[in-house]
Amino acid sequence: MGYLANFMVYTLAMIGVIAIALIVFKKANSFGGAGKSKHLKVIDTLSIAPRKTLYVVSTGREKFLIAGDVGNTTLISKLETSAKEIEPAVCETNDFKETMASLSKAKSSYMDKSNIGIKSSLLSQSRQEHSVLKNLAERMR
């Protein structure tokens, strides 16, 4: 019985030490914690290479594109504030049949030959955006 009692005491002591360390860690981060700012907000991040990231940061009404690296941070440009925010797609109904019908209509309009000019211009715009991001990544290297 002595061995089991000692084991229980030491186990409970270790659990207590871990709990106290966790509480101290959480309190230390809540007072001077990183990421707490009244005026700055990171809107979006994009990892472009290992340890190289692009950030969109807002300060009030202004937005900036910032590149972060291991050793430095670089302001790339000030972003336009008149740009329209992109809203995420939200399914308004839960009816599976309606959702599938709308998807099949979208697919048939996509396959329509009369819209090829529009689709190719959208594809070229997507390629241009990709090349801009690729150029930014090359500049950071």
N, C-alpha and C. Protein backbone atom coordinates (compact mmCIF):
# COMPACT_ATOMS: atom_id res chain seq x y z
N MET A 1 0.81 -1.19 0.00
CA MET A 1 0.00 0.00 0.00
C MET A 1 0.85 1.26 0.00
N GLY A 2 2.04 1.19 0.53
CA GLY A 2 2.91 2.35 0.60
C GLY A 2 3.34 2.84 -0.77
N TYR A 3 3.62 1.90 -1.67
CA TYR A 3 4.05 2.26 -3.01
C TYR A 3 2.93 2.98 -3.76
N LEU A 4 1.72 2.48 -3.68
CA LEU A 4 0.58 3.07 -4.36
C LEU A 4 0.28 4.47 -3.82
N ALA A 5 0.37 4.64 -2.52
CA ALA A 5 0.12 5.95 -1.92
C ALA A 5 1.17 6.96 -2.38
N ASN A 6 2.45 6.56 -2.39
CA ASN A 6 3.50 7.46 -2.85
C ASN A 6 3.31 7.83 -4.33
N PHE A 7 2.94 6.85 -5.13
CA PHE A 7 2.70 7.10 -6.55
C PHE A 7 1.58 8.12 -6.74
N MET A 8 0.49 7.98 -5.99
CA MET A 8 -0.64 8.90 -6.08
C MET A 8 -0.22 10.31 -5.66
N VAL A 9 0.55 10.43 -4.59
CA VAL A 9 0.97 11.74 -4.10
C VAL A 9 1.85 12.42 -5.14
N TYR A 10 2.82 11.72 -5.69
CA TYR A 10 3.71 12.32 -6.69
C TYR A 10 2.96 12.67 -7.98
N THR A 11 2.02 11.84 -8.38
CA THR A 11 1.23 12.12 -9.57
C THR A 11 0.39 13.37 -9.39
N LEU A 12 -0.29 13.48 -8.25
CA LEU A 12 -1.09 14.67 -7.97
C LEU A 12 -0.22 15.92 -7.87
N ALA A 13 0.98 15.77 -7.30
CA ALA A 13 1.89 16.91 -7.21
C ALA A 13 2.31 17.38 -8.60
N MET A 14 2.60 16.46 -9.50
CA MET A 14 2.99 16.83 -10.86
C MET A 14 1.83 17.50 -11.61
N ILE A 15 0.63 16.99 -11.42
CA ILE A 15 -0.54 17.61 -12.05
C ILE A 15 -0.73 19.02 -11.52
N GLY A 16 -0.52 19.22 -10.23
CA GLY A 16 -0.61 20.55 -9.64
C GLY A 16 0.43 21.50 -10.19
N VAL A 17 1.67 21.03 -10.34
CA VAL A 17 2.74 21.88 -10.89
C VAL A 17 2.42 22.27 -12.33
N ILE A 18 1.91 21.34 -13.12
CA ILE A 18 1.55 21.63 -14.50
C ILE A 18 0.40 22.64 -14.55
N ALA A 19 -0.60 22.48 -13.68
CA ALA A 19 -1.73 23.41 -13.65
C ALA A 19 -1.28 24.81 -13.27
N ILE A 20 -0.41 24.92 -12.27
CA ILE A 20 0.09 26.24 -11.85
C ILE A 20 0.90 26.88 -12.98
N ALA A 21 1.74 26.10 -13.65
CA ALA A 21 2.53 26.63 -14.76
C ALA A 21 1.63 27.12 -15.89
N LEU A 22 0.55 26.40 -16.16
CA LEU A 22 -0.39 26.80 -17.21
C LEU A 22 -1.08 28.11 -16.84
N ILE A 23 -1.49 28.25 -15.59
CA ILE A 23 -2.15 29.48 -15.14
C ILE A 23 -1.20 30.67 -15.24
N VAL A 24 0.04 30.48 -14.79
CA VAL A 24 1.02 31.57 -14.85
C VAL A 24 1.30 31.95 -16.31
N PHE A 25 1.41 30.98 -17.18
CA PHE A 25 1.66 31.24 -18.59
C PHE A 25 0.52 32.04 -19.22
N LYS A 26 -0.72 31.67 -18.94
CA LYS A 26 -1.88 32.37 -19.50
C LYS A 26 -1.96 33.80 -18.99
N LYS A 27 -1.68 34.01 -17.70
CA LYS A 27 -1.73 35.37 -17.15
C LYS A 27 -0.62 36.23 -17.73
N ALA A 28 0.55 35.66 -17.94
CA ALA A 28 1.67 36.43 -18.50
C ALA A 28 1.35 36.87 -19.92
N ASN A 29 0.68 36.04 -20.68
CA ASN A 29 0.34 36.39 -22.06
C ASN A 29 -0.83 37.36 -22.13
N SER A 30 -1.71 37.37 -21.14
CA SER A 30 -2.86 38.26 -21.22
C SER A 30 -2.50 39.70 -20.91
N PHE A 31 -1.48 39.96 -20.09
CA PHE A 31 -1.12 41.33 -19.75
C PHE A 31 -0.29 41.98 -20.84
N GLY A 32 0.78 41.39 -21.23
CA GLY A 32 1.66 41.98 -22.24
C GLY A 32 1.66 41.16 -23.50
N GLY A 33 0.55 40.52 -23.79
CA GLY A 33 0.52 39.56 -24.88
C GLY A 33 0.66 40.19 -26.25
N ALA A 34 1.22 39.44 -27.15
CA ALA A 34 1.36 39.90 -28.53
C ALA A 34 0.00 39.82 -29.21
N GLY A 35 -0.21 40.68 -30.19
CA GLY A 35 -1.45 40.65 -30.94
C GLY A 35 -2.55 41.51 -30.36
N LYS A 36 -2.30 42.21 -29.28
CA LYS A 36 -3.31 43.06 -28.67
C LYS A 36 -3.01 44.50 -29.06
N SER A 37 -3.83 45.08 -29.93
CA SER A 37 -3.62 46.45 -30.35
C SER A 37 -4.97 47.11 -30.60
N LYS A 38 -5.06 48.37 -30.24
CA LYS A 38 -6.29 49.11 -30.47
C LYS A 38 -6.38 49.62 -31.91
N HIS A 39 -5.23 49.86 -32.53
CA HIS A 39 -5.23 50.55 -33.82
C HIS A 39 -4.80 49.68 -35.00
N LEU A 40 -4.07 48.62 -34.76
CA LEU A 40 -3.59 47.76 -35.85
C LEU A 40 -4.37 46.46 -35.88
N LYS A 41 -4.61 45.98 -37.10
CA LYS A 41 -5.32 44.71 -37.25
C LYS A 41 -4.77 44.00 -38.49
N VAL A 42 -4.39 42.73 -38.32
CA VAL A 42 -3.95 41.92 -39.46
C VAL A 42 -5.19 41.36 -40.13
N ILE A 43 -5.43 41.79 -41.35
CA ILE A 43 -6.63 41.38 -42.08
C ILE A 43 -6.45 40.01 -42.72
N ASP A 44 -5.28 39.80 -43.35
CA ASP A 44 -5.05 38.54 -44.05
C ASP A 44 -3.55 38.25 -44.09
N THR A 45 -3.21 36.98 -44.17
CA THR A 45 -1.82 36.56 -44.30
C THR A 45 -1.72 35.54 -45.42
N LEU A 46 -0.57 35.51 -46.08
CA LEU A 46 -0.32 34.54 -47.13
C LEU A 46 1.13 34.11 -47.04
N SER A 47 1.34 32.83 -46.79
CA SER A 47 2.69 32.29 -46.74
C SER A 47 3.14 32.00 -48.16
N ILE A 48 4.23 32.66 -48.59
CA ILE A 48 4.68 32.50 -49.97
C ILE A 48 5.91 31.62 -50.09
N ALA A 49 6.58 31.39 -48.99
CA ALA A 49 7.74 30.51 -48.94
C ALA A 49 7.97 30.18 -47.47
N PRO A 50 8.79 29.19 -47.17
CA PRO A 50 9.07 28.93 -45.76
C PRO A 50 9.67 30.17 -45.09
N ARG A 51 9.05 30.59 -44.03
CA ARG A 51 9.47 31.72 -43.22
C ARG A 51 9.38 33.06 -43.95
N LYS A 52 8.55 33.13 -45.01
CA LYS A 52 8.31 34.38 -45.74
C LYS A 52 6.81 34.52 -45.93
N THR A 53 6.27 35.66 -45.46
CA THR A 53 4.83 35.83 -45.42
C THR A 53 4.44 37.23 -45.88
N LEU A 54 3.30 37.32 -46.56
CA LEU A 54 2.70 38.60 -46.90
C LEU A 54 1.56 38.87 -45.93
N TYR A 55 1.45 40.12 -45.47
CA TYR A 55 0.41 40.52 -44.53
C TYR A 55 -0.36 41.70 -45.12
N VAL A 56 -1.67 41.70 -44.93
CA VAL A 56 -2.48 42.88 -45.19
C VAL A 56 -2.87 43.40 -43.82
N VAL A 57 -2.39 44.63 -43.52
CA VAL A 57 -2.58 45.22 -42.19
C VAL A 57 -3.41 46.48 -42.35
N SER A 58 -4.39 46.68 -41.46
CA SER A 58 -5.19 47.90 -41.51
C SER A 58 -4.92 48.75 -40.28
N THR A 59 -4.89 50.06 -40.51
CA THR A 59 -4.78 51.04 -39.44
C THR A 59 -5.89 52.05 -39.68
N GLY A 60 -6.97 51.89 -38.97
CA GLY A 60 -8.12 52.77 -39.22
C GLY A 60 -8.71 52.46 -40.58
N ARG A 61 -8.63 53.45 -41.49
CA ARG A 61 -9.19 53.26 -42.83
C ARG A 61 -8.14 52.92 -43.88
N GLU A 62 -6.88 52.90 -43.51
CA GLU A 62 -5.82 52.61 -44.46
C GLU A 62 -5.40 51.14 -44.35
N LYS A 63 -5.03 50.58 -45.50
CA LYS A 63 -4.55 49.20 -45.54
C LYS A 63 -3.19 49.16 -46.23
N PHE A 64 -2.32 48.29 -45.72
CA PHE A 64 -0.96 48.19 -46.25
C PHE A 64 -0.63 46.73 -46.53
N LEU A 65 0.17 46.51 -47.58
CA LEU A 65 0.70 45.19 -47.89
C LEU A 65 2.13 45.15 -47.38
N ILE A 66 2.41 44.22 -46.45
CA ILE A 66 3.70 44.13 -45.78
C ILE A 66 4.26 42.73 -45.99
N ALA A 67 5.56 42.66 -46.30
CA ALA A 67 6.25 41.39 -46.45
C ALA A 67 7.08 41.14 -45.20
N GLY A 68 6.94 39.96 -44.62
CA GLY A 68 7.70 39.60 -43.44
C GLY A 68 8.64 38.46 -43.74
N ASP A 69 9.88 38.58 -43.28
CA ASP A 69 10.92 37.59 -43.49
C ASP A 69 11.55 37.29 -42.13
N VAL A 70 12.49 36.39 -42.10
CA VAL A 70 13.15 36.03 -40.85
C VAL A 70 13.83 37.24 -40.23
N GLY A 71 14.57 37.99 -41.02
CA GLY A 71 15.37 39.08 -40.48
C GLY A 71 14.80 40.46 -40.67
N ASN A 72 13.78 40.64 -41.54
CA ASN A 72 13.30 41.99 -41.78
C ASN A 72 11.83 42.00 -42.16
N THR A 73 11.27 43.22 -42.13
CA THR A 73 9.90 43.47 -42.53
C THR A 73 9.91 44.62 -43.51
N THR A 74 9.19 44.48 -44.63
CA THR A 74 9.23 45.48 -45.69
C THR A 74 7.82 45.92 -46.05
N LEU A 75 7.61 47.23 -46.13
CA LEU A 75 6.35 47.77 -46.62
C LEU A 75 6.39 47.70 -48.14
N ILE A 76 5.46 46.98 -48.72
CA ILE A 76 5.44 46.84 -50.18
C ILE A 76 4.62 47.95 -50.81
N SER A 77 3.39 48.15 -50.31
CA SER A 77 2.58 49.23 -50.88
C SER A 77 1.40 49.53 -49.97
N LYS A 78 0.83 50.70 -50.21
CA LYS A 78 -0.43 51.07 -49.56
C LYS A 78 -1.55 50.61 -50.48
N LEU A 79 -2.52 49.92 -49.93
CA LEU A 79 -3.60 49.38 -50.74
C LEU A 79 -4.73 50.39 -50.87
N GLU A 80 -5.47 50.28 -51.95
CA GLU A 80 -6.60 51.18 -52.17
C GLU A 80 -7.70 50.88 -51.17
N THR A 81 -8.27 51.93 -50.60
CA THR A 81 -9.35 51.73 -49.64
C THR A 81 -10.70 51.63 -50.34
N SER A 82 -10.76 52.01 -51.62
CA SER A 82 -12.02 51.95 -52.34
C SER A 82 -12.31 50.56 -52.89
N ALA A 83 -11.37 49.65 -52.73
CA ALA A 83 -11.59 48.29 -53.24
C ALA A 83 -12.73 47.63 -52.48
N LYS A 84 -13.59 46.96 -53.21
CA LYS A 84 -14.75 46.33 -52.62
C LYS A 84 -14.34 45.04 -51.92
N GLU A 85 -14.84 44.85 -50.70
CA GLU A 85 -14.54 43.64 -49.95
C GLU A 85 -15.23 42.45 -50.60
N ILE A 86 -14.58 41.32 -50.61
CA ILE A 86 -15.14 40.10 -51.17
C ILE A 86 -15.86 39.35 -50.06
N GLU A 87 -17.12 39.12 -50.25
CA GLU A 87 -17.92 38.41 -49.27
C GLU A 87 -17.85 36.91 -49.54
N PRO A 88 -17.74 36.10 -48.49
CA PRO A 88 -17.74 34.66 -48.71
C PRO A 88 -19.11 34.17 -49.17
N ALA A 89 -19.09 33.13 -49.96
CA ALA A 89 -20.34 32.56 -50.44
C ALA A 89 -21.06 31.86 -49.30
N VAL A 90 -22.34 32.14 -49.17
CA VAL A 90 -23.14 31.55 -48.10
C VAL A 90 -24.33 30.86 -48.73
N CYS A 91 -24.57 29.64 -48.33
CA CYS A 91 -25.72 28.89 -48.81
C CYS A 91 -26.95 29.38 -48.05
N GLU A 92 -27.94 29.92 -48.77
CA GLU A 92 -29.11 30.49 -48.12
C GLU A 92 -30.15 29.43 -47.79
N THR A 93 -30.18 28.33 -48.51
CA THR A 93 -31.16 27.29 -48.23
C THR A 93 -30.43 25.99 -47.95
N ASN A 94 -31.11 25.12 -47.27
CA ASN A 94 -30.55 23.81 -46.96
C ASN A 94 -31.11 22.73 -47.87
N ASP A 95 -31.87 23.13 -48.90
CA ASP A 95 -32.49 22.16 -49.78
C ASP A 95 -31.45 21.63 -50.77
N PHE A 96 -31.15 20.37 -50.67
CA PHE A 96 -30.13 19.74 -51.50
C PHE A 96 -30.52 19.78 -52.98
N LYS A 97 -31.79 19.57 -53.27
CA LYS A 97 -32.25 19.54 -54.65
C LYS A 97 -32.05 20.90 -55.32
N GLU A 98 -32.37 22.00 -54.61
CA GLU A 98 -32.19 23.34 -55.17
C GLU A 98 -30.71 23.65 -55.38
N THR A 99 -29.89 23.22 -54.43
CA THR A 99 -28.45 23.47 -54.55
C THR A 99 -27.88 22.75 -55.76
N MET A 100 -28.26 21.51 -55.96
CA MET A 100 -27.76 20.75 -57.10
C MET A 100 -28.28 21.33 -58.42
N ALA A 101 -29.53 21.82 -58.43
CA ALA A 101 -30.07 22.43 -59.65
C ALA A 101 -29.30 23.69 -60.00
N SER A 102 -28.98 24.51 -59.00
CA SER A 102 -28.23 25.74 -59.28
C SER A 102 -26.81 25.41 -59.74
N LEU A 103 -26.22 24.35 -59.20
CA LEU A 103 -24.89 23.94 -59.64
C LEU A 103 -24.91 23.45 -61.08
N SER A 104 -25.95 22.70 -61.45
CA SER A 104 -26.02 22.21 -62.82
C SER A 104 -26.26 23.36 -63.80
N LYS A 105 -27.03 24.38 -63.39
CA LYS A 105 -27.22 25.56 -64.25
C LYS A 105 -25.90 26.30 -64.42
N ALA A 106 -25.16 26.43 -63.34
CA ALA A 106 -23.87 27.11 -63.41
C ALA A 106 -22.92 26.34 -64.32
N LYS A 107 -22.96 25.01 -64.23
CA LYS A 107 -22.09 24.19 -65.06
C LYS A 107 -22.47 24.32 -66.53
N SER A 108 -23.78 24.34 -66.82
CA SER A 108 -24.20 24.45 -68.22
C SER A 108 -23.84 25.82 -68.78
N SER A 109 -23.94 26.89 -67.98
CA SER A 109 -23.55 28.20 -68.49
C SER A 109 -22.04 28.29 -68.65
N TYR A 110 -21.32 27.56 -67.84
CA TYR A 110 -19.86 27.54 -67.96
C TYR A 110 -19.45 26.83 -69.24
N MET A 111 -20.19 25.79 -69.59
CA MET A 111 -19.87 25.01 -70.78
C MET A 111 -20.39 25.67 -72.06
N ASP A 112 -21.19 26.73 -71.93
CA ASP A 112 -21.74 27.42 -73.09
C ASP A 112 -20.63 28.08 -73.90
N LYS A 113 -20.64 27.88 -75.21
CA LYS A 113 -19.57 28.39 -76.08
C LYS A 113 -19.64 29.91 -76.24
N SER A 114 -20.81 30.52 -76.01
CA SER A 114 -20.93 31.97 -76.23
C SER A 114 -20.18 32.78 -75.18
N ASN A 115 -19.88 32.19 -74.06
CA ASN A 115 -19.19 32.92 -72.99
C ASN A 115 -17.69 32.69 -72.98
N ILE A 116 -17.14 32.12 -74.03
CA ILE A 116 -15.71 31.78 -74.04
C ILE A 116 -14.85 33.03 -73.90
N GLY A 117 -15.22 34.13 -74.55
CA GLY A 117 -14.43 35.36 -74.45
C GLY A 117 -14.35 35.87 -73.03
N ILE A 118 -15.46 35.83 -72.31
CA ILE A 118 -15.48 36.28 -70.91
C ILE A 118 -14.62 35.37 -70.06
N LYS A 119 -14.76 34.06 -70.29
CA LYS A 119 -14.00 33.11 -69.47
C LYS A 119 -12.50 33.22 -69.73
N SER A 120 -12.11 33.46 -70.97
CA SER A 120 -10.68 33.58 -71.25
C SER A 120 -10.12 34.85 -70.64
N SER A 121 -10.92 35.94 -70.61
CA SER A 121 -10.42 37.16 -69.98
C SER A 121 -10.29 36.97 -68.48
N LEU A 122 -11.21 36.23 -67.87
CA LEU A 122 -11.09 35.94 -66.44
C LEU A 122 -9.87 35.07 -66.17
N LEU A 123 -9.60 34.13 -67.06
CA LEU A 123 -8.44 33.27 -66.91
C LEU A 123 -7.15 34.07 -67.03
N SER A 124 -7.10 35.00 -67.99
CA SER A 124 -5.88 35.81 -68.13
C SER A 124 -5.71 36.73 -66.94
N GLN A 125 -6.81 37.24 -66.36
CA GLN A 125 -6.71 38.06 -65.16
C GLN A 125 -6.17 37.24 -64.00
N SER A 126 -6.62 36.00 -63.88
CA SER A 126 -6.12 35.12 -62.83
C SER A 126 -4.63 34.86 -63.01
N ARG A 127 -4.19 34.68 -64.25
CA ARG A 127 -2.77 34.46 -64.52
C ARG A 127 -1.95 35.69 -64.17
N GLN A 128 -2.50 36.89 -64.45
CA GLN A 128 -1.80 38.12 -64.11
C GLN A 128 -1.64 38.25 -62.60
N GLU A 129 -2.70 37.94 -61.84
CA GLU A 129 -2.61 38.00 -60.38
C GLU A 129 -1.57 37.02 -59.87
N HIS A 130 -1.53 35.83 -60.48
CA HIS A 130 -0.54 34.84 -60.08
C HIS A 130 0.87 35.34 -60.36
N SER A 131 1.06 35.99 -61.51
CA SER A 131 2.40 36.49 -61.83
C SER A 131 2.81 37.62 -60.90
N VAL A 132 1.85 38.45 -60.45
CA VAL A 132 2.17 39.51 -59.49
C VAL A 132 2.64 38.90 -58.18
N LEU A 133 1.93 37.89 -57.69
CA LEU A 133 2.35 37.23 -56.45
C LEU A 133 3.70 36.54 -56.63
N LYS A 134 3.93 35.97 -57.80
CA LYS A 134 5.21 35.31 -58.06
C LYS A 134 6.35 36.34 -58.06
N ASN A 135 6.11 37.51 -58.66
CA ASN A 135 7.11 38.57 -58.66
C ASN A 135 7.40 39.06 -57.25
N LEU A 136 6.36 39.18 -56.42
CA LEU A 136 6.56 39.58 -55.03
C LEU A 136 7.41 38.56 -54.29
N ALA A 137 7.13 37.29 -54.55
CA ALA A 137 7.91 36.24 -53.89
C ALA A 137 9.36 36.29 -54.33
N GLU A 138 9.60 36.56 -55.60
CA GLU A 138 10.97 36.66 -56.09
C GLU A 138 11.69 37.86 -55.48
N ARG A 139 10.97 38.98 -55.30
CA ARG A 139 11.58 40.16 -54.70
C ARG A 139 11.98 39.91 -53.25
N MET A 140 11.21 39.07 -52.56
CA MET A 140 11.52 38.79 -51.16
C MET A 140 12.72 37.87 -51.02
N ARG A 141 13.01 37.08 -52.02
CA ARG A 141 14.15 36.17 -51.94
C ARG A 141 15.39 36.94 -52.12
